[in-house]
Amino acid sequence: MNGFIGEFFGTLILIVLGAGTGASLNLKKTYGTGSNWTFVSIAWGLAVTMGVYVAGALGSDGHLNPAVTVGFAAFGFFPWDQVVPYLLGQFLGAFVGAAIVIVQFYPHFLATKPAEGNTVGIFATRPAINNPVFNFLSETIATWAFVFILLNLGNFTQGLKPFIVGTLITVVGMGLGTTTGFALNPARDWGPRLAYTLLPVPNRGQAEWSYAWVPMCGPLVGGLLAAGLQAILQ
């Protein structure tokens, strides 16, 4: 249960702060409207940092990400019997985190039409250029880099290492994330996308589920490739 609880609350914090950034950036009449990509990358990096701290304090390994959990488990870096509790915590935490963001920004959703920024992009990822093959490759490459570096950090829930993880997210976002919005994480994309689909968001646009296979499959493949390479190198 510690793994589930840590992953649930860690991922919840990640999404409250990360999707909150998306809402601040895209919805009308917030003080953050129109902020740039640097703002997005740094904010998501810090959101991951805080989520890892919370998860670690509550007894999990701070994965917050099925691509990390599955990749680690597939090559012996994490026990398989913990995979299901971790995944449940991640997806449920992401859904509930998105629900909190909807409450926080409800008047701003009321003030913003889809053409003005009330889109699924607040909560989930969308490609800059819609090319499914290369979008999949972009998510695979970005997640491979993220997980491979993560594997070489040791226990990343202790001391200042969550900040290192946050800076890693930031630099991946700045260097590789501008093509697809750097999901890197199926739960971070699917949980909030489902919340945007099911919950009563005023003036919402389309949830764009036809694209959702990319942020699910790309990160999982990238995580497996990274963990496989690490296993070979050890």
Protein backbone atom coordinates (compact mmCIF):
# COMPACT_ATOMS: atom_id res chain seq x y z
CA MET A 1 0.00 0.00 0.00
CA ASN A 2 2.88 2.40 0.61
CA GLY A 3 3.80 2.17 -3.05
CA PHE A 4 0.24 2.90 -4.15
CA ILE A 5 -0.20 5.79 -1.70
CA GLY A 6 3.14 7.37 -2.55
CA GLU A 7 2.56 7.11 -6.29
CA PHE A 8 -1.02 8.37 -5.97
CA PHE A 9 -0.19 11.52 -4.03
CA GLY A 10 3.10 12.13 -5.82
CA THR A 11 1.41 11.96 -9.22
CA LEU A 12 -1.51 14.05 -7.94
CA ILE A 13 0.91 16.82 -6.95
CA LEU A 14 2.72 16.49 -10.28
CA ILE A 15 -0.51 17.04 -12.20
CA VAL A 16 -1.94 19.75 -9.93
CA LEU A 17 1.18 21.83 -10.52
CA GLY A 18 1.89 20.75 -14.11
CA ALA A 19 -1.64 20.92 -15.51
CA GLY A 20 -2.14 24.04 -13.41
CA THR A 21 0.68 25.52 -15.45
CA GLY A 22 -1.16 24.52 -18.62
CA ALA A 23 -4.33 26.19 -17.39
CA SER A 24 -2.46 29.34 -16.38
CA LEU A 25 -0.85 29.52 -19.80
CA ASN A 26 -3.88 28.83 -21.97
CA LEU A 27 -7.00 30.11 -20.21
CA LYS A 28 -8.16 33.71 -20.42
CA LYS A 29 -7.81 36.21 -17.59
CA THR A 30 -5.08 34.44 -15.63
CA TYR A 31 -1.84 36.25 -14.80
CA GLY A 32 0.09 33.55 -16.68
CA THR A 33 -1.74 33.78 -20.02
CA GLY A 34 0.63 33.67 -22.97
CA SER A 35 3.76 32.60 -21.07
CA ASN A 36 6.49 30.94 -23.14
CA TRP A 37 7.99 27.45 -23.50
CA THR A 38 10.73 28.16 -20.97
CA PHE A 39 8.02 28.82 -18.40
CA VAL A 40 6.36 25.50 -19.30
CA SER A 41 9.56 23.45 -19.14
CA ILE A 42 10.73 24.88 -15.82
CA ALA A 43 7.29 24.58 -14.25
CA TRP A 44 6.90 20.94 -15.26
CA GLY A 45 10.40 20.23 -13.99
CA LEU A 46 9.55 21.71 -10.60
CA ALA A 47 6.21 19.87 -10.59
CA VAL A 48 8.05 16.57 -11.00
CA THR A 49 10.50 17.56 -8.25
CA MET A 50 7.71 18.19 -5.76
CA GLY A 51 5.87 15.03 -6.77
CA VAL A 52 8.99 12.92 -6.25
CA TYR A 53 9.54 14.44 -2.80
CA VAL A 54 5.95 13.65 -1.78
CA ALA A 55 6.06 10.13 -3.19
CA GLY A 56 9.37 9.33 -1.52
CA ALA A 57 8.21 10.63 1.84
CA LEU A 58 5.10 8.42 1.62
CA GLY A 59 7.03 5.25 0.89
CA SER A 60 7.26 4.80 -2.88
CA ASP A 61 10.28 4.98 -5.19
CA GLY A 62 8.94 8.16 -6.80
CA HIS A 63 8.39 6.78 -10.29
CA LEU A 64 5.16 8.74 -10.99
CA ASN A 65 5.33 7.28 -14.49
CA PRO A 66 4.37 3.90 -16.02
CA ALA A 67 7.26 4.18 -18.48
CA VAL A 68 9.64 4.18 -15.51
CA THR A 69 7.83 1.45 -13.57
CA VAL A 70 7.40 -0.94 -16.51
CA GLY A 71 10.86 -0.29 -17.94
CA PHE A 72 12.54 -0.78 -14.57
CA ALA A 73 10.57 -3.98 -13.87
CA ALA A 74 11.18 -5.50 -17.32
CA PHE A 75 14.95 -5.55 -16.75
CA GLY A 76 15.12 -6.34 -13.06
CA PHE A 77 15.49 -2.85 -11.61
CA PHE A 78 12.10 -3.03 -9.83
CA PRO A 79 9.98 -5.93 -8.49
CA TRP A 80 7.11 -7.06 -10.69
CA ASP A 81 4.77 -7.57 -7.72
CA GLN A 82 4.77 -3.80 -7.15
CA VAL A 83 3.96 -2.85 -10.75
CA VAL A 84 0.14 -2.96 -10.52
CA PRO A 85 -0.11 -0.86 -7.29
CA TYR A 86 2.30 1.68 -8.78
CA LEU A 87 0.38 1.92 -12.05
CA LEU A 88 -2.97 2.28 -10.27
CA GLY A 89 -1.58 5.03 -8.07
CA GLN A 90 -0.14 6.87 -11.05
CA PHE A 91 -3.25 6.83 -13.24
CA LEU A 92 -5.68 7.57 -10.38
CA GLY A 93 -3.46 10.32 -9.00
CA ALA A 94 -3.25 11.94 -12.42
CA PHE A 95 -7.05 11.85 -12.85
CA VAL A 96 -7.72 13.36 -9.42
CA GLY A 97 -5.00 15.96 -9.90
CA ALA A 98 -6.66 17.08 -13.13
CA ALA A 99 -10.03 17.28 -11.37
CA ILE A 100 -8.51 19.64 -8.79
CA VAL A 101 -7.16 21.85 -11.58
CA ILE A 102 -10.64 22.02 -13.11
CA VAL A 103 -12.03 23.28 -9.79
CA GLN A 104 -9.16 25.74 -9.32
CA PHE A 105 -9.63 27.33 -12.75
CA TYR A 106 -13.40 26.87 -13.19
CA PRO A 107 -14.20 30.59 -13.76
CA HIS A 108 -11.41 30.74 -16.35
CA PHE A 109 -12.81 27.73 -18.20
CA LEU A 110 -16.13 29.58 -18.23
CA ALA A 111 -14.39 32.59 -19.77
CA THR A 112 -12.49 30.65 -22.46
CA LYS A 113 -13.83 29.00 -25.62
CA PRO A 114 -11.94 26.17 -27.41
CA ALA A 115 -10.70 28.55 -30.11
CA GLU A 116 -9.33 30.82 -27.37
CA GLY A 117 -7.32 28.11 -25.57
CA ASN A 118 -9.78 25.86 -23.74
CA THR A 119 -8.39 22.65 -25.24
CA VAL A 120 -7.15 19.27 -24.10
CA GLY A 121 -3.65 20.71 -24.42
CA ILE A 122 -4.11 22.18 -20.94
CA PHE A 123 -4.11 18.63 -19.56
CA ALA A 124 -2.54 16.36 -22.15
CA THR A 125 -0.11 16.53 -25.05
CA ARG A 126 -0.65 17.50 -28.67
CA PRO A 127 1.86 17.44 -31.55
CA ALA A 128 3.27 20.66 -32.98
CA ILE A 129 3.10 18.96 -36.41
CA ASN A 130 0.67 16.06 -36.65
CA ASN A 131 2.77 13.21 -38.03
CA PRO A 132 1.95 10.08 -36.03
CA VAL A 133 5.09 8.11 -36.93
CA PHE A 134 7.48 10.92 -36.05
CA ASN A 135 5.37 11.95 -33.06
CA PHE A 136 5.77 8.37 -31.77
CA LEU A 137 9.52 8.50 -32.42
CA SER A 138 9.78 11.87 -30.66
CA GLU A 139 8.12 10.51 -27.52
CA THR A 140 10.23 7.36 -27.69
CA ILE A 141 13.52 9.27 -28.01
CA ALA A 142 12.68 11.84 -25.32
CA THR A 143 11.56 9.15 -22.86
CA TRP A 144 14.60 7.00 -23.66
CA ALA A 145 16.89 9.92 -22.74
CA PHE A 146 14.91 10.67 -19.58
CA VAL A 147 14.78 7.09 -18.27
CA PHE A 148 18.38 6.27 -19.20
CA ILE A 149 19.65 9.26 -17.22
CA LEU A 150 17.23 8.46 -14.38
CA LEU A 151 18.64 4.95 -14.11
CA ASN A 152 22.08 6.42 -13.48
CA LEU A 153 20.97 8.69 -10.63
CA GLY A 154 20.56 5.96 -8.02
CA ASN A 155 17.86 6.58 -5.40
CA PHE A 156 16.36 9.79 -6.73
CA THR A 157 13.90 10.42 -3.87
CA GLN A 158 16.59 11.40 -1.35
CA GLY A 159 18.35 14.67 -0.57
CA LEU A 160 18.59 17.04 -3.50
CA LYS A 161 18.15 14.36 -6.14
CA PRO A 162 14.48 15.21 -6.79
CA PHE A 163 15.74 18.63 -7.94
CA ILE A 164 18.15 16.85 -10.28
CA VAL A 165 15.19 14.92 -11.67
CA GLY A 166 13.36 18.22 -12.11
CA THR A 167 16.26 19.77 -14.01
CA LEU A 168 16.35 16.64 -16.15
CA ILE A 169 12.68 17.11 -17.03
CA THR A 170 13.34 20.78 -17.79
CA VAL A 171 16.24 20.12 -20.16
CA VAL A 172 14.38 17.27 -21.88
CA GLY A 173 11.45 19.63 -22.34
CA MET A 174 13.63 22.38 -23.78
CA GLY A 175 15.75 20.07 -25.92
CA LEU A 176 13.33 17.40 -27.12
CA GLY A 177 9.86 18.36 -25.93
CA THR A 178 8.92 21.04 -28.44
CA THR A 179 7.73 18.52 -31.05
CA THR A 180 5.02 16.79 -29.01
CA GLY A 181 4.82 18.59 -25.67
CA PHE A 182 6.96 15.84 -24.02
CA ALA A 183 4.45 13.54 -22.36
CA LEU A 184 7.22 11.11 -21.31
CA ASN A 185 4.55 9.53 -19.15
CA PRO A 186 1.33 7.67 -20.11
CA ALA A 187 -0.36 8.45 -16.78
CA ARG A 188 0.48 12.15 -17.03
CA ASP A 189 -1.33 12.22 -20.39
CA TRP A 190 -4.16 9.69 -20.12
CA GLY A 191 -5.36 10.48 -16.58
CA PRO A 192 -5.88 14.20 -17.27
CA ARG A 193 -7.17 13.53 -20.79
CA LEU A 194 -9.82 11.25 -19.29
CA ALA A 195 -10.71 13.88 -16.68
CA TYR A 196 -11.13 16.48 -19.45
CA THR A 197 -13.37 14.00 -21.28
CA LEU A 198 -15.61 12.91 -18.39
CA LEU A 199 -15.82 15.84 -15.98
CA PRO A 200 -18.05 18.88 -16.52
CA VAL A 201 -15.47 21.30 -17.93
CA PRO A 202 -17.21 24.44 -19.26
CA ASN A 203 -16.68 25.18 -22.96
CA ARG A 204 -14.31 22.25 -23.41
CA GLY A 205 -12.91 21.29 -26.78
CA GLN A 206 -12.25 17.82 -28.16
CA ALA A 207 -10.25 15.34 -26.08
CA GLU A 208 -8.39 14.16 -29.23
CA TRP A 209 -8.27 10.48 -28.28
CA SER A 210 -7.16 9.57 -31.81
CA TYR A 211 -3.72 10.92 -30.85
CA ALA A 212 -3.62 9.37 -27.37
CA TRP A 213 -1.85 6.17 -28.49
CA VAL A 214 1.33 8.22 -29.07
CA PRO A 215 1.83 9.41 -25.45
CA MET A 216 0.90 5.92 -24.28
CA CYS A 217 3.09 3.79 -26.56
CA GLY A 218 6.05 6.11 -27.23
CA PRO A 219 7.02 6.54 -23.56
CA LEU A 220 6.58 2.84 -22.81
CA VAL A 221 8.87 1.87 -25.69
CA GLY A 222 11.39 4.56 -24.73
CA GLY A 223 11.44 3.37 -21.12
CA LEU A 224 11.98 -0.24 -22.18
CA LEU A 225 14.81 0.71 -24.53
CA ALA A 226 16.53 2.76 -21.84
CA ALA A 227 16.28 0.05 -19.21
CA GLY A 228 17.42 -2.59 -21.72
CA LEU A 229 20.48 -0.54 -22.61
CA GLN A 230 21.28 -0.01 -18.92
CA ALA A 231 21.01 -3.74 -18.30
CA ILE A 232 23.45 -4.44 -21.16
CA LEU A 233 25.95 -1.84 -19.93
CA GLN A 234 26.01 -3.04 -16.34
